[in-house]
Amino acid sequence: VLYWAAGVDDRYGEWVADDVRVEVAHYPGVGRFAALNNSTDRVSTRIRGADGQSWTVDLPPGGLTWISTTEPNN
């Protein structure tokens, strides 16, 4: 709904995790993104960035990781 309201619903697939329990926050100015596991389970998921890039992350329950968008991705 937020993407639609902002008029950019065509970009919904960017900077989201395949697993809904994981939030993604992208900070293009510093070339990094954060992935946060909001569940009490260990989660392994793919994060989809821009231009077809993706990263696989493995997060413990409640885990947070920062990833550089300039590092090689999966």
PDB file of N, CA and C in Angstrom:
ATOM      1  N   VAL A   1       0.823  -1.189   0.000  1.00  0.00           N
ATOM      2  CA  VAL A   1       0.000   0.000   0.000  1.00  0.00           C
ATOM      3  C   VAL A   1       0.871   1.258   0.000  1.00  0.00           C
ATOM      4  N   LEU A   2       1.974   1.244   0.755  1.00  0.00           N
ATOM      5  CA  LEU A   2       2.825   2.432   0.812  1.00  0.00           C
ATOM      6  C   LEU A   2       3.465   2.733  -0.534  1.00  0.00           C
ATOM      7  N   TYR A   3       3.899   1.701  -1.236  1.00  0.00           N
ATOM      8  CA  TYR A   3       4.493   1.919  -2.559  1.00  0.00           C
ATOM      9  C   TYR A   3       3.453   2.514  -3.506  1.00  0.00           C
ATOM     10  N   TRP A   4       2.235   1.990  -3.454  1.00  0.00           N
ATOM     11  CA  TRP A   4       1.162   2.512  -4.300  1.00  0.00           C
ATOM     12  C   TRP A   4       0.877   3.968  -3.961  1.00  0.00           C
ATOM     13  N   ALA A   5       0.782   4.278  -2.675  1.00  0.00           N
ATOM     14  CA  ALA A   5       0.479   5.643  -2.249  1.00  0.00           C
ATOM     15  C   ALA A   5       1.570   6.620  -2.674  1.00  0.00           C
ATOM     16  N   ALA A   6       2.806   6.136  -2.729  1.00  0.00           N
ATOM     17  CA  ALA A   6       3.923   6.987  -3.149  1.00  0.00           C
ATOM     18  C   ALA A   6       4.061   7.055  -4.664  1.00  0.00           C
ATOM     19  N   GLY A   7       3.253   6.277  -5.374  1.00  0.00           N
ATOM     20  CA  GLY A   7       3.304   6.279  -6.828  1.00  0.00           C
ATOM     21  C   GLY A   7       4.471   5.512  -7.412  1.00  0.00           C
ATOM     22  N   VAL A   8       5.058   4.607  -6.617  1.00  0.00           N
ATOM     23  CA  VAL A   8       6.208   3.826  -7.092  1.00  0.00           C
ATOM     24  C   VAL A   8       5.963   2.328  -6.919  1.00  0.00           C
ATOM     25  N   ASP A   9       4.712   1.899  -7.081  1.00  0.00           N
ATOM     26  CA  ASP A   9       4.393   0.485  -6.880  1.00  0.00           C
ATOM     27  C   ASP A   9       5.114  -0.422  -7.870  1.00  0.00           C
ATOM     28  N   ASP A  10       5.619   0.119  -8.978  1.00  0.00           N
ATOM     29  CA  ASP A  10       6.393  -0.692  -9.915  1.00  0.00           C
ATOM     30  C   ASP A  10       7.761  -1.066  -9.350  1.00  0.00           C
ATOM     31  N   ARG A  11       8.191  -0.416  -8.272  1.00  0.00           N
ATOM     32  CA  ARG A  11       9.486  -0.710  -7.649  1.00  0.00           C
ATOM     33  C   ARG A  11       9.344  -1.535  -6.370  1.00  0.00           C
ATOM     34  N   TYR A  12       8.189  -2.142  -6.139  1.00  0.00           N
ATOM     35  CA  TYR A  12       7.973  -2.865  -4.884  1.00  0.00           C
ATOM     36  C   TYR A  12       9.007  -3.949  -4.639  1.00  0.00           C
ATOM     37  N   GLY A  13       9.491  -4.629  -5.645  1.00  0.00           N
ATOM     38  CA  GLY A  13      10.422  -5.736  -5.455  1.00  0.00           C
ATOM     39  C   GLY A  13      11.812  -5.336  -5.024  1.00  0.00           C
ATOM     40  N   GLU A  14      12.098  -4.045  -4.939  1.00  0.00           N
ATOM     41  CA  GLU A  14      13.429  -3.586  -4.553  1.00  0.00           C
ATOM     42  C   GLU A  14      13.528  -3.425  -3.039  1.00  0.00           C
ATOM     43  N   TRP A  15      14.626  -3.914  -2.490  1.00  0.00           N
ATOM     44  CA  TRP A  15      14.955  -3.782  -1.075  1.00  0.00           C
ATOM     45  C   TRP A  15      13.897  -4.388  -0.164  1.00  0.00           C
ATOM     46  N   VAL A  16      13.501  -5.612  -0.497  1.00  0.00           N
ATOM     47  CA  VAL A  16      12.595  -6.395   0.332  1.00  0.00           C
ATOM     48  C   VAL A  16      13.164  -7.800   0.481  1.00  0.00           C
ATOM     49  N   ALA A  17      12.766  -8.464   1.553  1.00  0.00           N
ATOM     50  CA  ALA A  17      13.164  -9.848   1.794  1.00  0.00           C
ATOM     51  C   ALA A  17      12.070 -10.775   1.294  1.00  0.00           C
ATOM     52  N   ASP A  18      12.478 -11.955   0.847  1.00  0.00           N
ATOM     53  CA  ASP A  18      11.488 -12.950   0.440  1.00  0.00           C
ATOM     54  C   ASP A  18      10.676 -13.440   1.635  1.00  0.00           C
ATOM     55  N   ASP A  19      11.264 -13.418   2.821  1.00  0.00           N
ATOM     56  CA  ASP A  19      10.576 -13.840   4.045  1.00  0.00           C
ATOM     57  C   ASP A  19      10.010 -12.604   4.738  1.00  0.00           C
ATOM     58  N   VAL A  20       8.708 -12.569   4.941  1.00  0.00           N
ATOM     59  CA  VAL A  20       8.053 -11.384   5.511  1.00  0.00           C
ATOM     60  C   VAL A  20       8.467 -11.092   6.950  1.00  0.00           C
ATOM     61  N   ARG A  21       9.132 -12.019   7.598  1.00  0.00           N
ATOM     62  CA  ARG A  21       9.578 -11.784   8.970  1.00  0.00           C
ATOM     63  C   ARG A  21      10.825 -10.908   9.032  1.00  0.00           C
ATOM     64  N   VAL A  22      11.410 -10.618   7.883  1.00  0.00           N
ATOM     65  CA  VAL A  22      12.641  -9.831   7.827  1.00  0.00           C
ATOM     66  C   VAL A  22      12.357  -8.465   7.203  1.00  0.00           C
ATOM     67  N   GLU A  23      12.742  -7.413   7.931  1.00  0.00           N
ATOM     68  CA  GLU A  23      12.627  -6.038   7.434  1.00  0.00           C
ATOM     69  C   GLU A  23      13.941  -5.636   6.797  1.00  0.00           C
ATOM     70  N   VAL A  24      13.863  -4.805   5.775  1.00  0.00           N
ATOM     71  CA  VAL A  24      15.054  -4.300   5.103  1.00  0.00           C
ATOM     72  C   VAL A  24      14.988  -2.778   5.075  1.00  0.00           C
ATOM     73  N   ALA A  25      16.093  -2.138   5.454  1.00  0.00           N
ATOM     74  CA  ALA A  25      16.195  -0.678   5.384  1.00  0.00           C
ATOM     75  C   ALA A  25      17.422  -0.345   4.548  1.00  0.00           C
ATOM     76  N   HIS A  26      17.212   0.301   3.404  1.00  0.00           N
ATOM     77  CA  HIS A  26      18.286   0.622   2.471  1.00  0.00           C
ATOM     78  C   HIS A  26      18.727   2.070   2.659  1.00  0.00           C
ATOM     79  N   TYR A  27      20.045   2.269   2.740  1.00  0.00           N
ATOM     80  CA  TYR A  27      20.626   3.598   2.901  1.00  0.00           C
ATOM     81  C   TYR A  27      21.569   3.854   1.729  1.00  0.00           C
ATOM     82  N   PRO A  28      21.037   4.322   0.592  1.00  0.00           N
ATOM     83  CA  PRO A  28      21.863   4.470  -0.604  1.00  0.00           C
ATOM     84  C   PRO A  28      23.002   5.470  -0.445  1.00  0.00           C
ATOM     85  N   GLY A  29      22.842   6.451   0.408  1.00  0.00           N
ATOM     86  CA  GLY A  29      23.885   7.454   0.599  1.00  0.00           C
ATOM     87  C   GLY A  29      25.172   6.897   1.168  1.00  0.00           C
ATOM     88  N   VAL A  30      25.074   5.788   1.895  1.00  0.00           N
ATOM     89  CA  VAL A  30      26.268   5.161   2.470  1.00  0.00           C
ATOM     90  C   VAL A  30      26.539   3.791   1.867  1.00  0.00           C
ATOM     91  N   GLY A  31      25.713   3.373   0.910  1.00  0.00           N
ATOM     92  CA  GLY A  31      25.941   2.102   0.230  1.00  0.00           C
ATOM     93  C   GLY A  31      25.776   0.884   1.121  1.00  0.00           C
ATOM     94  N   ARG A  32      24.779   0.919   1.999  1.00  0.00           N
ATOM     95  CA  ARG A  32      24.548  -0.201   2.915  1.00  0.00           C
ATOM     96  C   ARG A  32      23.051  -0.425   3.097  1.00  0.00           C
ATOM     97  N   PHE A  33      22.727  -1.638   3.594  1.00  0.00           N
ATOM     98  CA  PHE A  33      21.354  -1.898   4.018  1.00  0.00           C
ATOM     99  C   PHE A  33      21.386  -2.743   5.276  1.00  0.00           C
ATOM    100  N   ALA A  34      20.325  -2.621   6.056  1.00  0.00           N
ATOM    101  CA  ALA A  34      20.177  -3.404   7.275  1.00  0.00           C
ATOM    102  C   ALA A  34      19.073  -4.426   7.054  1.00  0.00           C
ATOM    103  N   ALA A  35      19.285  -5.625   7.594  1.00  0.00           N
ATOM    104  CA  ALA A  35      18.258  -6.669   7.566  1.00  0.00           C
ATOM    105  C   ALA A  35      17.990  -7.070   9.011  1.00  0.00           C
ATOM    106  N   LEU A  36      16.728  -7.030   9.417  1.00  0.00           N
ATOM    107  CA  LEU A  36      16.324  -7.309  10.794  1.00  0.00           C
ATOM    108  C   LEU A  36      15.322  -8.449  10.817  1.00  0.00           C
ATOM    109  N   ASN A  37      15.635  -9.484  11.594  1.00  0.00           N
ATOM    110  CA  ASN A  37      14.728 -10.615  11.771  1.00  0.00           C
ATOM    111  C   ASN A  37      13.772 -10.285  12.913  1.00  0.00           C
ATOM    112  N   ASN A  38      12.513 -10.119  12.605  1.00  0.00           N
ATOM    113  CA  ASN A  38      11.503  -9.781  13.610  1.00  0.00           C
ATOM    114  C   ASN A  38      10.876 -11.001  14.272  1.00  0.00           C
ATOM    115  N   SER A  39      11.423 -12.179  14.028  1.00  0.00           N
ATOM    116  CA  SER A  39      10.807 -13.388  14.569  1.00  0.00           C
ATOM    117  C   SER A  39      11.663 -14.010  15.672  1.00  0.00           C
ATOM    118  N   THR A  40      11.108 -15.031  16.301  1.00  0.00           N
ATOM    119  CA  THR A  40      11.837 -15.790  17.318  1.00  0.00           C
ATOM    120  C   THR A  40      12.459 -17.045  16.713  1.00  0.00           C
ATOM    121  N   ASP A  41      12.477 -17.120  15.389  1.00  0.00           N
ATOM    122  CA  ASP A  41      13.066 -18.250  14.670  1.00  0.00           C
ATOM    123  C   ASP A  41      14.298 -17.790  13.909  1.00  0.00           C
ATOM    124  N   ARG A  42      15.230 -18.715  13.684  1.00  0.00           N
ATOM    125  CA  ARG A  42      16.338 -18.441  12.774  1.00  0.00           C
ATOM    126  C   ARG A  42      15.747 -18.360  11.375  1.00  0.00           C
ATOM    127  N   VAL A  43      16.197 -17.373  10.597  1.00  0.00           N
ATOM    128  CA  VAL A  43      15.649 -17.161   9.256  1.00  0.00           C
ATOM    129  C   VAL A  43      16.786 -17.033   8.247  1.00  0.00           C
ATOM    130  N   SER A  44      16.658 -17.741   7.158  1.00  0.00           N
ATOM    131  CA  SER A  44      17.542 -17.578   6.008  1.00  0.00           C
ATOM    132  C   SER A  44      16.664 -17.102   4.861  1.00  0.00           C
ATOM    133  N   THR A  45      17.019 -15.969   4.272  1.00  0.00           N
ATOM    134  CA  THR A  45      16.176 -15.393   3.223  1.00  0.00           C
ATOM    135  C   THR A  45      17.011 -14.643   2.210  1.00  0.00           C
ATOM    136  N   ARG A  46      16.404 -14.388   1.089  1.00  0.00           N
ATOM    137  CA  ARG A  46      17.039 -13.601   0.032  1.00  0.00           C
ATOM    138  C   ARG A  46      16.528 -12.167   0.131  1.00  0.00           C
ATOM    139  N   ILE A  47      17.458 -11.220   0.034  1.00  0.00           N
ATOM    140  CA  ILE A  47      17.133  -9.802  -0.023  1.00  0.00           C
ATOM    141  C   ILE A  47      17.296  -9.373  -1.477  1.00  0.00           C
ATOM    142  N   ARG A  48      16.257  -8.773  -2.023  1.00  0.00           N
ATOM    143  CA  ARG A  48      16.305  -8.301  -3.407  1.00  0.00           C
ATOM    144  C   ARG A  48      16.554  -6.800  -3.424  1.00  0.00           C
ATOM    145  N   GLY A  49      17.645  -6.408  -4.078  1.00  0.00           N
ATOM    146  CA  GLY A  49      17.978  -4.998  -4.216  1.00  0.00           C
ATOM    147  C   GLY A  49      17.552  -4.475  -5.572  1.00  0.00           C
ATOM    148  N   ALA A  50      18.193  -3.407  -5.987  1.00  0.00           N
ATOM    149  CA  ALA A  50      17.896  -2.810  -7.288  1.00  0.00           C
ATOM    150  C   ALA A  50      18.674  -3.529  -8.384  1.00  0.00           C
ATOM    151  N   ASP A  51      18.227  -3.371  -9.603  1.00  0.00           N
ATOM    152  CA  ASP A  51      18.929  -3.884 -10.784  1.00  0.00           C
ATOM    153  C   ASP A  51      19.192  -5.383 -10.737  1.00  0.00           C
ATOM    154  N   GLY A  52      18.286  -6.137 -10.113  1.00  0.00           N
ATOM    155  CA  GLY A  52      18.415  -7.590 -10.093  1.00  0.00           C
ATOM    156  C   GLY A  52      19.416  -8.148  -9.100  1.00  0.00           C
ATOM    157  N   GLN A  53      20.014  -7.299  -8.283  1.00  0.00           N
ATOM    158  CA  GLN A  53      20.954  -7.777  -7.273  1.00  0.00           C
ATOM    159  C   GLN A  53      20.201  -8.510  -6.178  1.00  0.00           C
ATOM    160  N   SER A  54      20.878  -9.481  -5.540  1.00  0.00           N
ATOM    161  CA  SER A  54      20.280 -10.145  -4.381  1.00  0.00           C
ATOM    162  C   SER A  54      21.381 -10.651  -3.466  1.00  0.00           C
ATOM    163  N   TRP A  55      21.036 -10.772  -2.201  1.00  0.00           N
ATOM    164  CA  TRP A  55      21.931 -11.270  -1.171  1.00  0.00           C
ATOM    165  C   TRP A  55      21.165 -12.284  -0.348  1.00  0.00           C
ATOM    166  N   THR A  56      21.828 -13.331   0.092  1.00  0.00           N
ATOM    167  CA  THR A  56      21.218 -14.291   1.004  1.00  0.00           C
ATOM    168  C   THR A  56      21.757 -14.014   2.398  1.00  0.00           C
ATOM    169  N   VAL A  57      20.862 -13.874   3.354  1.00  0.00           N
ATOM    170  CA  VAL A  57      21.262 -13.618   4.734  1.00  0.00           C
ATOM    171  C   VAL A  57      20.713 -14.713   5.634  1.00  0.00           C
ATOM    172  N   ASP A  58      21.461 -15.031   6.665  1.00  0.00           N
ATOM    173  CA  ASP A  58      21.059 -15.993   7.686  1.00  0.00           C
ATOM    174  C   ASP A  58      21.071 -15.239   9.004  1.00  0.00           C
ATOM    175  N   LEU A  59      19.902 -15.082   9.602  1.00  0.00           N
ATOM    176  CA  LEU A  59      19.772 -14.268  10.808  1.00  0.00           C
ATOM    177  C   LEU A  59      19.266 -15.094  11.981  1.00  0.00           C
ATOM    178  N   PRO A  60      19.884 -14.932  13.155  1.00  0.00           N
ATOM    179  CA  PRO A  60      19.357 -15.589  14.349  1.00  0.00           C
ATOM    180  C   PRO A  60      18.070 -14.896  14.785  1.00  0.00           C
ATOM    181  N   PRO A  61      17.339 -15.476  15.721  1.00  0.00           N
ATOM    182  CA  PRO A  61      16.126 -14.823  16.222  1.00  0.00           C
ATOM    183  C   PRO A  61      16.431 -13.397  16.690  1.00  0.00           C
ATOM    184  N   GLY A  62      15.683 -12.435  16.206  1.00  0.00           N
ATOM    185  CA  GLY A  62      15.899 -11.042  16.584  1.00  0.00           C
ATOM    186  C   GLY A  62      17.173 -10.434  16.033  1.00  0.00           C
ATOM    187  N   GLY A  63      17.845 -11.127  15.133  1.00  0.00           N
ATOM    188  CA  GLY A  63      19.144 -10.693  14.633  1.00  0.00           C
ATOM    189  C   GLY A  63      19.077  -9.535  13.655  1.00  0.00           C
ATOM    190  N   LEU A  64      20.160  -8.769  13.637  1.00  0.00           N
ATOM    191  CA  LEU A  64      20.309  -7.626  12.747  1.00  0.00           C
ATOM    192  C   LEU A  64      21.676  -7.710  12.097  1.00  0.00           C
ATOM    193  N   THR A  65      21.739  -7.436  10.803  1.00  0.00           N
ATOM    194  CA  THR A  65      23.022  -7.381  10.117  1.00  0.00           C
ATOM    195  C   THR A  65      23.032  -6.204   9.164  1.00  0.00           C
ATOM    196  N   TRP A  66      24.217  -5.648   8.964  1.00  0.00           N
ATOM    197  CA  TRP A  66      24.431  -4.580   7.989  1.00  0.00           C
ATOM    198  C   TRP A  66      25.244  -5.156   6.845  1.00  0.00           C
ATOM    199  N   ILE A  67      24.848  -4.850   5.613  1.00  0.00           N
ATOM    200  CA  ILE A  67      25.533  -5.385   4.444  1.00  0.00           C
ATOM    201  C   ILE A  67      25.834  -4.240   3.490  1.00  0.00           C
ATOM    202  N   SER A  68      27.064  -4.238   2.971  1.00  0.00           N
ATOM    203  CA  SER A  68      27.460  -3.239   1.991  1.00  0.00           C
ATOM    204  C   SER A  68      26.906  -3.617   0.626  1.00  0.00           C
ATOM    205  N   THR A  69      26.343  -2.666  -0.068  1.00  0.00           N
ATOM    206  CA  THR A  69      25.825  -2.945  -1.407  1.00  0.00           C
ATOM    207  C   THR A  69      26.945  -2.974  -2.436  1.00  0.00           C
ATOM    208  N   THR A  70      28.162  -2.628  -2.024  1.00  0.00           N
ATOM    209  CA  THR A  70      29.297  -2.669  -2.939  1.00  0.00           C
ATOM    210  C   THR A  70      30.056  -3.988  -2.843  1.00  0.00           C
ATOM    211  N   GLU A  71      29.733  -4.820  -1.852  1.00  0.00           N
ATOM    212  CA  GLU A  71      30.361  -6.137  -1.730  1.00  0.00           C
ATOM    213  C   GLU A  71      29.727  -7.089  -2.729  1.00  0.00           C
ATOM    214  N   PRO A  72      30.486  -8.121  -3.144  1.00  0.00           N
ATOM    215  CA  PRO A  72      29.891  -9.116  -4.051  1.00  0.00           C
ATOM    216  C   PRO A  72      28.643  -9.721  -3.419  1.00  0.00           C
ATOM    217  N   ASN A  73      27.638  -9.936  -4.239  1.00  0.00           N
ATOM    218  CA  ASN A  73      26.393 -10.517  -3.744  1.00  0.00           C
ATOM    219  C   ASN A  73      26.235 -11.927  -4.261  1.00  0.00           C
ATOM    220  N   ASN A  74      25.179 -12.609  -3.802  1.00  0.00           N
ATOM    221  CA  ASN A  74      24.949 -14.005  -4.192  1.00  0.00           C
ATOM    222  C   ASN A  74      24.164 -14.077  -5.472  1.00  0.00           C
TER     223      ASN A  74
END
